[in-house]
Amino acid sequence: MDALILTSKISFDGENIFYKNRQSVLTRYNVSRGETTLYENIIARDFCMDEQSIYYVSRTDGGGVYSCDKDGNNKKLIGNVPAMSVTCDADNIYVLAGESGKEIVFSKSGW
């Protein structure tokens, strides 16, 4: 497994550890198989997860906020805002806007 950067966010879903590698590429490490998978099309400033999806701030388009399935498929734009960070709970996605520093809330049922 790639060396983890201690300041990176790490998520565990019971089978896989998700993290950003040194190039900010979202990476999945399957614990039981010892396999590492790079999500080469996801260069993330920040990310969070729920039971079904990964939510992330893209580094490649000025900080847009996206969702995708845990396998990296079905990428969807949630908000075209220059974001710095993203968190989520069961109902909402919370984004810290880069320019204003304000929190923006997207309802998961709204898109």
PDB file of N, CA and C in Angstrom:
ATOM      1  N   MET A   1       0.847  -1.173   0.000  1.00  0.00           N
ATOM      2  CA  MET A   1       0.000   0.000   0.000  1.00  0.00           C
ATOM      3  C   MET A   1       0.890   1.231   0.000  1.00  0.00           C
ATOM      4  N   ASP A   2       0.469   2.277  -0.766  1.00  0.00           N
ATOM      5  CA  ASP A   2       1.210   3.535  -0.767  1.00  0.00           C
ATOM      6  C   ASP A   2       1.314   4.056   0.656  1.00  0.00           C
ATOM      7  N   ALA A   3       2.398   4.783   0.910  1.00  0.00           N
ATOM      8  CA  ALA A   3       2.526   5.413   2.218  1.00  0.00           C
ATOM      9  C   ALA A   3       1.423   6.449   2.370  1.00  0.00           C
ATOM     10  N   LEU A   4       0.724   6.388   3.482  1.00  0.00           N
ATOM     11  CA  LEU A   4      -0.369   7.320   3.717  1.00  0.00           C
ATOM     12  C   LEU A   4       0.191   8.635   4.232  1.00  0.00           C
ATOM     13  N   ILE A   5      -0.373   9.724   3.768  1.00  0.00           N
ATOM     14  CA  ILE A   5       0.003  11.037   4.259  1.00  0.00           C
ATOM     15  C   ILE A   5      -0.853  11.305   5.487  1.00  0.00           C
ATOM     16  N   LEU A   6      -0.247  11.605   6.597  1.00  0.00           N
ATOM     17  CA  LEU A   6      -0.977  11.698   7.850  1.00  0.00           C
ATOM     18  C   LEU A   6      -2.029  12.790   7.857  1.00  0.00           C
ATOM     19  N   THR A   7      -1.887  13.820   7.053  1.00  0.00           N
ATOM     20  CA  THR A   7      -2.872  14.890   7.034  1.00  0.00           C
ATOM     21  C   THR A   7      -4.040  14.581   6.112  1.00  0.00           C
ATOM     22  N   SER A   8      -4.005  13.488   5.394  1.00  0.00           N
ATOM     23  CA  SER A   8      -5.080  13.122   4.484  1.00  0.00           C
ATOM     24  C   SER A   8      -6.243  12.511   5.242  1.00  0.00           C
ATOM     25  N   LYS A   9      -7.415  12.671   4.653  1.00  0.00           N
ATOM     26  CA  LYS A   9      -8.605  12.021   5.199  1.00  0.00           C
ATOM     27  C   LYS A   9      -8.563  10.560   4.788  1.00  0.00           C
ATOM     28  N   ILE A  10      -8.945   9.695   5.690  1.00  0.00           N
ATOM     29  CA  ILE A  10      -8.975   8.259   5.439  1.00  0.00           C
ATOM     30  C   ILE A  10     -10.364   7.753   5.810  1.00  0.00           C
ATOM     31  N   SER A  11     -10.947   6.921   4.946  1.00  0.00           N
ATOM     32  CA  SER A  11     -12.257   6.331   5.226  1.00  0.00           C
ATOM     33  C   SER A  11     -12.167   4.822   5.059  1.00  0.00           C
ATOM     34  N   PHE A  12     -12.922   4.113   5.883  1.00  0.00           N
ATOM     35  CA  PHE A  12     -12.951   2.659   5.850  1.00  0.00           C
ATOM     36  C   PHE A  12     -14.401   2.218   5.769  1.00  0.00           C
ATOM     37  N   ASP A  13     -14.724   1.343   4.805  1.00  0.00           N
ATOM     38  CA  ASP A  13     -16.109   0.894   4.635  1.00  0.00           C
ATOM     39  C   ASP A  13     -16.332  -0.552   5.082  1.00  0.00           C
ATOM     40  N   GLY A  14     -15.391  -1.114   5.817  1.00  0.00           N
ATOM     41  CA  GLY A  14     -15.506  -2.491   6.270  1.00  0.00           C
ATOM     42  C   GLY A  14     -14.703  -3.464   5.423  1.00  0.00           C
ATOM     43  N   GLU A  15     -14.420  -3.099   4.176  1.00  0.00           N
ATOM     44  CA  GLU A  15     -13.618  -3.916   3.271  1.00  0.00           C
ATOM     45  C   GLU A  15     -12.435  -3.166   2.688  1.00  0.00           C
ATOM     46  N   ASN A  16     -12.607  -1.857   2.496  1.00  0.00           N
ATOM     47  CA  ASN A  16     -11.619  -1.039   1.796  1.00  0.00           C
ATOM     48  C   ASN A  16     -11.256   0.197   2.595  1.00  0.00           C
ATOM     49  N   ILE A  17      -9.998   0.608   2.454  1.00  0.00           N
ATOM     50  CA  ILE A  17      -9.532   1.880   2.986  1.00  0.00           C
ATOM     51  C   ILE A  17      -9.442   2.825   1.798  1.00  0.00           C
ATOM     52  N   PHE A  18     -10.076   3.985   1.906  1.00  0.00           N
ATOM     53  CA  PHE A  18     -10.042   5.008   0.863  1.00  0.00           C
ATOM     54  C   PHE A  18      -9.185   6.164   1.360  1.00  0.00           C
ATOM     55  N   TYR A  19      -8.317   6.675   0.498  1.00  0.00           N
ATOM     56  CA  TYR A  19      -7.445   7.793   0.855  1.00  0.00           C
ATOM     57  C   TYR A  19      -6.958   8.463  -0.419  1.00  0.00           C
ATOM     58  N   LYS A  20      -6.351   9.648  -0.256  1.00  0.00           N
ATOM     59  CA  LYS A  20      -5.700  10.336  -1.374  1.00  0.00           C
ATOM     60  C   LYS A  20      -4.215  10.002  -1.316  1.00  0.00           C
ATOM     61  N   ASN A  21      -3.633   9.664  -2.486  1.00  0.00           N
ATOM     62  CA  ASN A  21      -2.197   9.406  -2.480  1.00  0.00           C
ATOM     63  C   ASN A  21      -1.438  10.741  -2.572  1.00  0.00           C
ATOM     64  N   ARG A  22      -0.149  10.696  -2.715  1.00  0.00           N
ATOM     65  CA  ARG A  22       0.666  11.925  -2.725  1.00  0.00           C
ATOM     66  C   ARG A  22       0.347  12.859  -3.886  1.00  0.00           C
ATOM     67  N   GLN A  23      -0.220  12.317  -4.950  1.00  0.00           N
ATOM     68  CA  GLN A  23      -0.613  13.136  -6.100  1.00  0.00           C
ATOM     69  C   GLN A  23      -2.087  13.544  -6.022  1.00  0.00           C
ATOM     70  N   SER A  24      -2.719  13.319  -4.890  1.00  0.00           N
ATOM     71  CA  SER A  24      -4.130  13.637  -4.628  1.00  0.00           C
ATOM     72  C   SER A  24      -5.099  12.756  -5.404  1.00  0.00           C
ATOM     73  N   VAL A  25      -4.614  11.629  -5.925  1.00  0.00           N
ATOM     74  CA  VAL A  25      -5.491  10.686  -6.623  1.00  0.00           C
ATOM     75  C   VAL A  25      -6.215   9.844  -5.575  1.00  0.00           C
ATOM     76  N   LEU A  26      -7.544   9.787  -5.683  1.00  0.00           N
ATOM     77  CA  LEU A  26      -8.306   8.954  -4.767  1.00  0.00           C
ATOM     78  C   LEU A  26      -7.898   7.500  -4.972  1.00  0.00           C
ATOM     79  N   THR A  27      -7.650   6.806  -3.873  1.00  0.00           N
ATOM     80  CA  THR A  27      -7.099   5.452  -3.907  1.00  0.00           C
ATOM     81  C   THR A  27      -7.893   4.560  -2.966  1.00  0.00           C
ATOM     82  N   ARG A  28      -8.095   3.310  -3.388  1.00  0.00           N
ATOM     83  CA  ARG A  28      -8.787   2.318  -2.564  1.00  0.00           C
ATOM     84  C   ARG A  28      -7.834   1.156  -2.314  1.00  0.00           C
ATOM     85  N   TYR A  29      -7.709   0.762  -1.067  1.00  0.00           N
ATOM     86  CA  TYR A  29      -6.902  -0.399  -0.698  1.00  0.00           C
ATOM     87  C   TYR A  29      -7.832  -1.452  -0.120  1.00  0.00           C
ATOM     88  N   ASN A  30      -7.941  -2.607  -0.800  1.00  0.00           N
ATOM     89  CA  ASN A  30      -8.762  -3.704  -0.316  1.00  0.00           C
ATOM     90  C   ASN A  30      -7.953  -4.486   0.709  1.00  0.00           C
ATOM     91  N   VAL A  31      -8.416  -4.479   1.934  1.00  0.00           N
ATOM     92  CA  VAL A  31      -7.663  -5.049   3.048  1.00  0.00           C
ATOM     93  C   VAL A  31      -7.493  -6.555   2.905  1.00  0.00           C
ATOM     94  N   SER A  32      -8.544  -7.281   2.563  1.00  0.00           N
ATOM     95  CA  SER A  32      -8.448  -8.747   2.519  1.00  0.00           C
ATOM     96  C   SER A  32      -7.611  -9.245   1.342  1.00  0.00           C
ATOM     97  N   ARG A  33      -7.667  -8.564   0.213  1.00  0.00           N
ATOM     98  CA  ARG A  33      -6.900  -9.001  -0.966  1.00  0.00           C
ATOM     99  C   ARG A  33      -5.539  -8.327  -1.081  1.00  0.00           C
ATOM    100  N   GLY A  34      -5.327  -7.247  -0.342  1.00  0.00           N
ATOM    101  CA  GLY A  34      -4.058  -6.535  -0.431  1.00  0.00           C
ATOM    102  C   GLY A  34      -3.885  -5.810  -1.755  1.00  0.00           C
ATOM    103  N   GLU A  35      -4.996  -5.445  -2.402  1.00  0.00           N
ATOM    104  CA  GLU A  35      -4.942  -4.799  -3.719  1.00  0.00           C
ATOM    105  C   GLU A  35      -5.217  -3.303  -3.602  1.00  0.00           C
ATOM    106  N   THR A  36      -4.445  -2.538  -4.356  1.00  0.00           N
ATOM    107  CA  THR A  36      -4.620  -1.093  -4.421  1.00  0.00           C
ATOM    108  C   THR A  36      -5.188  -0.714  -5.774  1.00  0.00           C
ATOM    109  N   THR A  37      -6.228   0.121  -5.764  1.00  0.00           N
ATOM    110  CA  THR A  37      -6.854   0.610  -6.996  1.00  0.00           C
ATOM    111  C   THR A  37      -6.807   2.129  -6.999  1.00  0.00           C
ATOM    112  N   LEU A  38      -6.255   2.700  -8.067  1.00  0.00           N
ATOM    113  CA  LEU A  38      -6.241   4.148  -8.236  1.00  0.00           C
ATOM    114  C   LEU A  38      -7.464   4.580  -9.026  1.00  0.00           C
ATOM    115  N   TYR A  39      -8.144   5.601  -8.567  1.00  0.00           N
ATOM    116  CA  TYR A  39      -9.236   6.219  -9.321  1.00  0.00           C
ATOM    117  C   TYR A  39      -8.583   7.347 -10.126  1.00  0.00           C
ATOM    118  N   GLU A  40      -7.961   6.993 -11.232  1.00  0.00           N
ATOM    119  CA  GLU A  40      -7.112   7.926 -11.962  1.00  0.00           C
ATOM    120  C   GLU A  40      -7.840   9.162 -12.463  1.00  0.00           C
ATOM    121  N   ASN A  41      -9.156   9.079 -12.613  1.00  0.00           N
ATOM    122  CA  ASN A  41      -9.910  10.244 -13.083  1.00  0.00           C
ATOM    123  C   ASN A  41     -10.433  11.090 -11.926  1.00  0.00           C
ATOM    124  N   ILE A  42     -10.055  10.763 -10.684  1.00  0.00           N
ATOM    125  CA  ILE A  42     -10.500  11.540  -9.530  1.00  0.00           C
ATOM    126  C   ILE A  42      -9.279  12.090  -8.796  1.00  0.00           C
ATOM    127  N   ILE A  43      -8.981  13.358  -9.073  1.00  0.00           N
ATOM    128  CA  ILE A  43      -7.914  14.083  -8.389  1.00  0.00           C
ATOM    129  C   ILE A  43      -8.631  14.975  -7.380  1.00  0.00           C
ATOM    130  N   ALA A  44      -8.519  14.655  -6.104  1.00  0.00           N
ATOM    131  CA  ALA A  44      -9.373  15.272  -5.089  1.00  0.00           C
ATOM    132  C   ALA A  44      -8.608  16.182  -4.135  1.00  0.00           C
ATOM    133  N   ARG A  45      -9.211  17.318  -3.856  1.00  0.00           N
ATOM    134  CA  ARG A  45      -8.713  18.195  -2.796  1.00  0.00           C
ATOM    135  C   ARG A  45      -9.165  17.637  -1.438  1.00  0.00           C
ATOM    136  N   ASP A  46     -10.400  17.113  -1.410  1.00  0.00           N
ATOM    137  CA  ASP A  46     -10.978  16.557  -0.203  1.00  0.00           C
ATOM    138  C   ASP A  46     -12.052  15.556  -0.608  1.00  0.00           C
ATOM    139  N   PHE A  47     -12.433  14.649   0.296  1.00  0.00           N
ATOM    140  CA  PHE A  47     -13.509  13.705   0.000  1.00  0.00           C
ATOM    141  C   PHE A  47     -14.159  13.228   1.290  1.00  0.00           C
ATOM    142  N   CYS A  48     -15.358  12.690   1.147  1.00  0.00           N
ATOM    143  CA  CYS A  48     -16.051  12.016   2.235  1.00  0.00           C
ATOM    144  C   CYS A  48     -16.899  10.918   1.618  1.00  0.00           C
ATOM    145  N   MET A  49     -17.454  10.050   2.455  1.00  0.00           N
ATOM    146  CA  MET A  49     -18.209   8.908   1.946  1.00  0.00           C
ATOM    147  C   MET A  49     -19.436   8.665   2.796  1.00  0.00           C
ATOM    148  N   ASP A  50     -20.429   8.019   2.180  1.00  0.00           N
ATOM    149  CA  ASP A  50     -21.539   7.441   2.921  1.00  0.00           C
ATOM    150  C   ASP A  50     -21.643   5.977   2.505  1.00  0.00           C
ATOM    151  N   GLU A  51     -22.747   5.339   2.774  1.00  0.00           N
ATOM    152  CA  GLU A  51     -22.900   3.909   2.472  1.00  0.00           C
ATOM    153  C   GLU A  51     -22.767   3.587   0.983  1.00  0.00           C
ATOM    154  N   GLN A  52     -23.235   4.489   0.104  1.00  0.00           N
ATOM    155  CA  GLN A  52     -23.264   4.198  -1.333  1.00  0.00           C
ATOM    156  C   GLN A  52     -22.270   4.998  -2.170  1.00  0.00           C
ATOM    157  N   SER A  53     -21.912   6.190  -1.731  1.00  0.00           N
ATOM    158  CA  SER A  53     -21.213   7.121  -2.626  1.00  0.00           C
ATOM    159  C   SER A  53     -19.981   7.750  -2.004  1.00  0.00           C
ATOM    160  N   ILE A  54     -19.150   8.272  -2.897  1.00  0.00           N
ATOM    161  CA  ILE A  54     -18.010   9.104  -2.533  1.00  0.00           C
ATOM    162  C   ILE A  54     -18.347  10.513  -3.016  1.00  0.00           C
ATOM    163  N   TYR A  55     -18.096  11.501  -2.183  1.00  0.00           N
ATOM    164  CA  TYR A  55     -18.284  12.907  -2.542  1.00  0.00           C
ATOM    165  C   TYR A  55     -16.915  13.554  -2.466  1.00  0.00           C
ATOM    166  N   TYR A  56     -16.575  14.357  -3.472  1.00  0.00           N
ATOM    167  CA  TYR A  56     -15.228  14.919  -3.479  1.00  0.00           C
ATOM    168  C   TYR A  56     -15.175  16.287  -4.137  1.00  0.00           C
ATOM    169  N   VAL A  57     -14.146  17.031  -3.748  1.00  0.00           N
ATOM    170  CA  VAL A  57     -13.838  18.323  -4.352  1.00  0.00           C
ATOM    171  C   VAL A  57     -12.735  18.073  -5.363  1.00  0.00           C
ATOM    172  N   SER A  58     -13.007  18.388  -6.609  1.00  0.00           N
ATOM    173  CA  SER A  58     -12.047  18.139  -7.681  1.00  0.00           C
ATOM    174  C   SER A  58     -10.936  19.179  -7.678  1.00  0.00           C
ATOM    175  N   ARG A  59      -9.718  18.723  -7.897  1.00  0.00           N
ATOM    176  CA  ARG A  59      -8.577  19.636  -8.059  1.00  0.00           C
ATOM    177  C   ARG A  59      -8.375  20.019  -9.521  1.00  0.00           C
ATOM    178  N   THR A  60      -9.095  19.374 -10.434  1.00  0.00           N
ATOM    179  CA  THR A  60      -8.833  19.583 -11.856  1.00  0.00           C
ATOM    180  C   THR A  60      -9.754  20.603 -12.508  1.00  0.00           C
ATOM    181  N   ASP A  61     -10.798  21.055 -11.824  1.00  0.00           N
ATOM    182  CA  ASP A  61     -11.716  21.998 -12.461  1.00  0.00           C
ATOM    183  C   ASP A  61     -12.046  23.198 -11.586  1.00  0.00           C
ATOM    184  N   GLY A  62     -11.160  23.558 -10.691  1.00  0.00           N
ATOM    185  CA  GLY A  62     -11.386  24.732  -9.870  1.00  0.00           C
ATOM    186  C   GLY A  62     -12.165  24.477  -8.599  1.00  0.00           C
ATOM    187  N   GLY A  63     -12.343  23.243  -8.217  1.00  0.00           N
ATOM    188  CA  GLY A  63     -12.981  22.939  -6.950  1.00  0.00           C
ATOM    189  C   GLY A  63     -14.427  22.539  -7.029  1.00  0.00           C
ATOM    190  N   GLY A  64     -14.892  22.062  -8.181  1.00  0.00           N
ATOM    191  CA  GLY A  64     -16.258  21.566  -8.289  1.00  0.00           C
ATOM    192  C   GLY A  64     -16.479  20.387  -7.369  1.00  0.00           C
ATOM    193  N   VAL A  65     -17.716  20.206  -6.923  1.00  0.00           N
ATOM    194  CA  VAL A  65     -18.060  19.124  -6.008  1.00  0.00           C
ATOM    195  C   VAL A  65     -18.800  18.037  -6.789  1.00  0.00           C
ATOM    196  N   TYR A  66     -18.341  16.799  -6.653  1.00  0.00           N
ATOM    197  CA  TYR A  66     -18.870  15.668  -7.413  1.00  0.00           C
ATOM    198  C   TYR A  66     -19.237  14.523  -6.485  1.00  0.00           C
ATOM    199  N   SER A  67     -20.036  13.614  -7.027  1.00  0.00           N
ATOM    200  CA  SER A  67     -20.279  12.330  -6.378  1.00  0.00           C
ATOM    201  C   SER A  67     -19.966  11.231  -7.390  1.00  0.00           C
ATOM    202  N   CYS A  68     -19.696  10.051  -6.877  1.00  0.00           N
ATOM    203  CA  CYS A  68     -19.535   8.862  -7.719  1.00  0.00           C
ATOM    204  C   CYS A  68     -19.808   7.644  -6.853  1.00  0.00           C
ATOM    205  N   ASP A  69     -20.025   6.515  -7.499  1.00  0.00           N
ATOM    206  CA  ASP A  69     -20.173   5.264  -6.773  1.00  0.00           C
ATOM    207  C   ASP A  69     -18.834   4.902  -6.136  1.00  0.00           C
ATOM    208  N   LYS A  70     -18.848   3.972  -5.201  1.00  0.00           N
ATOM    209  CA  LYS A  70     -17.609   3.583  -4.533  1.00  0.00           C
ATOM    210  C   LYS A  70     -16.597   2.937  -5.468  1.00  0.00           C
ATOM    211  N   ASP A  71     -17.046   2.480  -6.647  1.00  0.00           N
ATOM    212  CA  ASP A  71     -16.106   1.930  -7.626  1.00  0.00           C
ATOM    213  C   ASP A  71     -15.581   2.998  -8.580  1.00  0.00           C
ATOM    214  N   GLY A  72     -15.990   4.261  -8.384  1.00  0.00           N
ATOM    215  CA  GLY A  72     -15.524   5.367  -9.218  1.00  0.00           C
ATOM    216  C   GLY A  72     -16.402   5.656 -10.414  1.00  0.00           C
ATOM    217  N   ASN A  73     -17.429   4.859 -10.652  1.00  0.00           N
ATOM    218  CA  ASN A  73     -18.329   5.065 -11.788  1.00  0.00           C
ATOM    219  C   ASN A  73     -19.460   6.023 -11.429  1.00  0.00           C
ATOM    220  N   ASN A  74     -20.215   6.425 -12.463  1.00  0.00           N
ATOM    221  CA  ASN A  74     -21.388   7.294 -12.312  1.00  0.00           C
ATOM    222  C   ASN A  74     -21.060   8.643 -11.685  1.00  0.00           C
ATOM    223  N   LYS A  75     -20.027   9.276 -12.187  1.00  0.00           N
ATOM    224  CA  LYS A  75     -19.617  10.589 -11.712  1.00  0.00           C
ATOM    225  C   LYS A  75     -20.698  11.620 -12.040  1.00  0.00           C
ATOM    226  N   LYS A  76     -21.071  12.436 -11.025  1.00  0.00           N
ATOM    227  CA  LYS A  76     -22.087  13.470 -11.203  1.00  0.00           C
ATOM    228  C   LYS A  76     -21.610  14.767 -10.558  1.00  0.00           C
ATOM    229  N   LEU A  77     -21.817  15.882 -11.239  1.00  0.00           N
ATOM    230  CA  LEU A  77     -21.522  17.185 -10.677  1.00  0.00           C
ATOM    231  C   LEU A  77     -22.643  17.561  -9.710  1.00  0.00           C
ATOM    232  N   ILE A  78     -22.291  17.867  -8.478  1.00  0.00           N
ATOM    233  CA  ILE A  78     -23.263  18.290  -7.471  1.00  0.00           C
ATOM    234  C   ILE A  78     -23.354  19.808  -7.444  1.00  0.00           C
ATOM    235  N   GLY A  79     -22.209  20.474  -7.470  1.00  0.00           N
ATOM    236  CA  GLY A  79     -22.180  21.925  -7.411  1.00  0.00           C
ATOM    237  C   GLY A  79     -20.932  22.467  -8.064  1.00  0.00           C
ATOM    238  N   ASN A  80     -21.108  23.458  -8.889  1.00  0.00           N
ATOM    239  CA  ASN A  80     -19.978  24.079  -9.568  1.00  0.00           C
ATOM    240  C   ASN A  80     -19.550  25.316  -8.790  1.00  0.00           C
ATOM    241  N   VAL A  81     -19.053  25.071  -7.582  1.00  0.00           N
ATOM    242  CA  VAL A  81     -18.577  26.133  -6.705  1.00  0.00           C
ATOM    243  C   VAL A  81     -17.114  25.864  -6.388  1.00  0.00           C
ATOM    244  N   PRO A  82     -16.313  26.897  -6.272  1.00  0.00           N
ATOM    245  CA  PRO A  82     -14.920  26.659  -5.878  1.00  0.00           C
ATOM    246  C   PRO A  82     -14.860  26.267  -4.405  1.00  0.00           C
ATOM    247  N   ALA A  83     -14.792  24.977  -4.135  1.00  0.00           N
ATOM    248  CA  ALA A  83     -14.870  24.458  -2.770  1.00  0.00           C
ATOM    249  C   ALA A  83     -13.493  24.078  -2.237  1.00  0.00           C
ATOM    250  N   MET A  84     -13.377  24.141  -0.922  1.00  0.00           N
ATOM    251  CA  MET A  84     -12.145  23.749  -0.244  1.00  0.00           C
ATOM    252  C   MET A  84     -12.278  22.380   0.423  1.00  0.00           C
ATOM    253  N   SER A  85     -13.465  22.095   0.958  1.00  0.00           N
ATOM    254  CA  SER A  85     -13.654  20.834   1.664  1.00  0.00           C
ATOM    255  C   SER A  85     -15.093  20.370   1.532  1.00  0.00           C
ATOM    256  N   VAL A  86     -15.300  19.081   1.837  1.00  0.00           N
ATOM    257  CA  VAL A  86     -16.632  18.487   1.760  1.00  0.00           C
ATOM    258  C   VAL A  86     -16.801  17.483   2.896  1.00  0.00           C
ATOM    259  N   THR A  87     -17.978  17.492   3.499  1.00  0.00           N
ATOM    260  CA  THR A  87     -18.371  16.488   4.477  1.00  0.00           C
ATOM    261  C   THR A  87     -19.817  16.105   4.180  1.00  0.00           C
ATOM    262  N   CYS A  88     -20.281  15.032   4.803  1.00  0.00           N
ATOM    263  CA  CYS A  88     -21.656  14.615   4.545  1.00  0.00           C
ATOM    264  C   CYS A  88     -22.229  13.895   5.747  1.00  0.00           C
ATOM    265  N   ASP A  89     -23.551  13.842   5.764  1.00  0.00           N
ATOM    266  CA  ASP A  89     -24.261  13.021   6.734  1.00  0.00           C
ATOM    267  C   ASP A  89     -25.330  12.257   5.961  1.00  0.00           C
ATOM    268  N   ALA A  90     -26.294  11.712   6.635  1.00  0.00           N
ATOM    269  CA  ALA A  90     -27.299  10.880   5.965  1.00  0.00           C
ATOM    270  C   ALA A  90     -28.145  11.659   4.970  1.00  0.00           C
ATOM    271  N   ASP A  91     -28.340  12.949   5.186  1.00  0.00           N
ATOM    272  CA  ASP A  91     -29.256  13.736   4.354  1.00  0.00           C
ATOM    273  C   ASP A  91     -28.605  14.777   3.462  1.00  0.00           C
ATOM    274  N   ASN A  92     -27.447  15.293   3.862  1.00  0.00           N
ATOM    275  CA  ASN A  92     -26.873  16.449   3.179  1.00  0.00           C
ATOM    276  C   ASN A  92     -25.386  16.294   2.892  1.00  0.00           C
ATOM    277  N   ILE A  93     -24.931  17.146   1.972  1.00  0.00           N
ATOM    278  CA  ILE A  93     -23.516  17.301   1.646  1.00  0.00           C
ATOM    279  C   ILE A  93     -23.162  18.730   2.014  1.00  0.00           C
ATOM    280  N   TYR A  94     -22.101  18.913   2.802  1.00  0.00           N
ATOM    281  CA  TYR A  94     -21.700  20.228   3.282  1.00  0.00           C
ATOM    282  C   TYR A  94     -20.380  20.607   2.634  1.00  0.00           C
ATOM    283  N   VAL A  95     -20.365  21.790   2.030  1.00  0.00           N
ATOM    284  CA  VAL A  95     -19.192  22.239   1.296  1.00  0.00           C
ATOM    285  C   VAL A  95     -18.725  23.561   1.885  1.00  0.00           C
ATOM    286  N   LEU A  96     -17.426  23.678   2.102  1.00  0.00           N
ATOM    287  CA  LEU A  96     -16.844  24.950   2.511  1.00  0.00           C
ATOM    288  C   LEU A  96     -16.395  25.668   1.248  1.00  0.00           C
ATOM    289  N   ALA A  97     -17.046  26.782   0.927  1.00  0.00           N
ATOM    290  CA  ALA A  97     -16.726  27.531  -0.290  1.00  0.00           C
ATOM    291  C   ALA A  97     -15.363  28.193  -0.151  1.00  0.00           C
ATOM    292  N   GLY A  98     -14.557  28.077  -1.201  1.00  0.00           N
ATOM    293  CA  GLY A  98     -13.195  28.577  -1.156  1.00  0.00           C
ATOM    294  C   GLY A  98     -13.080  30.079  -1.085  1.00  0.00           C
ATOM    295  N   GLU A  99     -13.893  30.810  -1.827  1.00  0.00           N
ATOM    296  CA  GLU A  99     -13.765  32.264  -1.878  1.00  0.00           C
ATOM    297  C   GLU A  99     -14.385  32.945  -0.671  1.00  0.00           C
ATOM    298  N   SER A 100     -15.573  32.524  -0.283  1.00  0.00           N
ATOM    299  CA  SER A 100     -16.290  33.203   0.802  1.00  0.00           C
ATOM    300  C   SER A 100     -16.053  32.592   2.166  1.00  0.00           C
ATOM    301  N   GLY A 101     -15.660  31.322   2.207  1.00  0.00           N
ATOM    302  CA  GLY A 101     -15.515  30.634   3.477  1.00  0.00           C
ATOM    303  C   GLY A 101     -16.844  30.218   4.080  1.00  0.00           C
ATOM    304  N   LYS A 102     -17.923  30.399   3.337  1.00  0.00           N
ATOM    305  CA  LYS A 102     -19.246  30.038   3.825  1.00  0.00           C
ATOM    306  C   LYS A 102     -19.536  28.573   3.570  1.00  0.00           C
ATOM    307  N   GLU A 103     -20.385  28.005   4.436  1.00  0.00           N
ATOM    308  CA  GLU A 103     -20.814  26.631   4.237  1.00  0.00           C
ATOM    309  C   GLU A 103     -22.024  26.609   3.308  1.00  0.00           C
ATOM    310  N   ILE A 104     -21.961  25.736   2.299  1.00  0.00           N
ATOM    311  CA  ILE A 104     -23.056  25.534   1.369  1.00  0.00           C
ATOM    312  C   ILE A 104     -23.579  24.129   1.607  1.00  0.00           C
ATOM    313  N   VAL A 105     -24.907  23.985   1.658  1.00  0.00           N
ATOM    314  CA  VAL A 105     -25.517  22.696   1.940  1.00  0.00           C
ATOM    315  C   VAL A 105     -26.283  22.232   0.705  1.00  0.00           C
ATOM    316  N   PHE A 106     -25.987  21.020   0.260  1.00  0.00           N
ATOM    317  CA  PHE A 106     -26.712  20.371  -0.837  1.00  0.00           C
ATOM    318  C   PHE A 106     -27.473  19.191  -0.248  1.00  0.00           C
ATOM    319  N   SER A 107     -28.763  19.131  -0.504  1.00  0.00           N
ATOM    320  CA  SER A 107     -29.555  17.999  -0.058  1.00  0.00           C
ATOM    321  C   SER A 107     -29.273  16.807  -0.966  1.00  0.00           C
ATOM    322  N   LYS A 108     -29.053  15.639  -0.383  1.00  0.00           N
ATOM    323  CA  LYS A 108     -28.825  14.439  -1.197  1.00  0.00           C
ATOM    324  C   LYS A 108     -30.061  14.074  -2.016  1.00  0.00           C
ATOM    325  N   SER A 109     -31.229  14.452  -1.554  1.00  0.00           N
ATOM    326  CA  SER A 109     -32.454  14.141  -2.298  1.00  0.00           C
ATOM    327  C   SER A 109     -32.719  15.156  -3.402  1.00  0.00           C
ATOM    328  N   GLY A 110     -31.923  16.234  -3.454  1.00  0.00           N
ATOM    329  CA  GLY A 110     -32.185  17.285  -4.414  1.00  0.00           C
ATOM    330  C   GLY A 110     -31.518  17.145  -5.762  1.00  0.00           C
ATOM    331  N   TRP A 111     -30.762  16.078  -5.978  1.00  0.00           N
ATOM    332  CA  TRP A 111     -30.101  15.925  -7.289  1.00  0.00           C
ATOM    333  C   TRP A 111     -30.121  14.523  -7.701  1.00  0.00           C
TER     334      TRP A 111
END
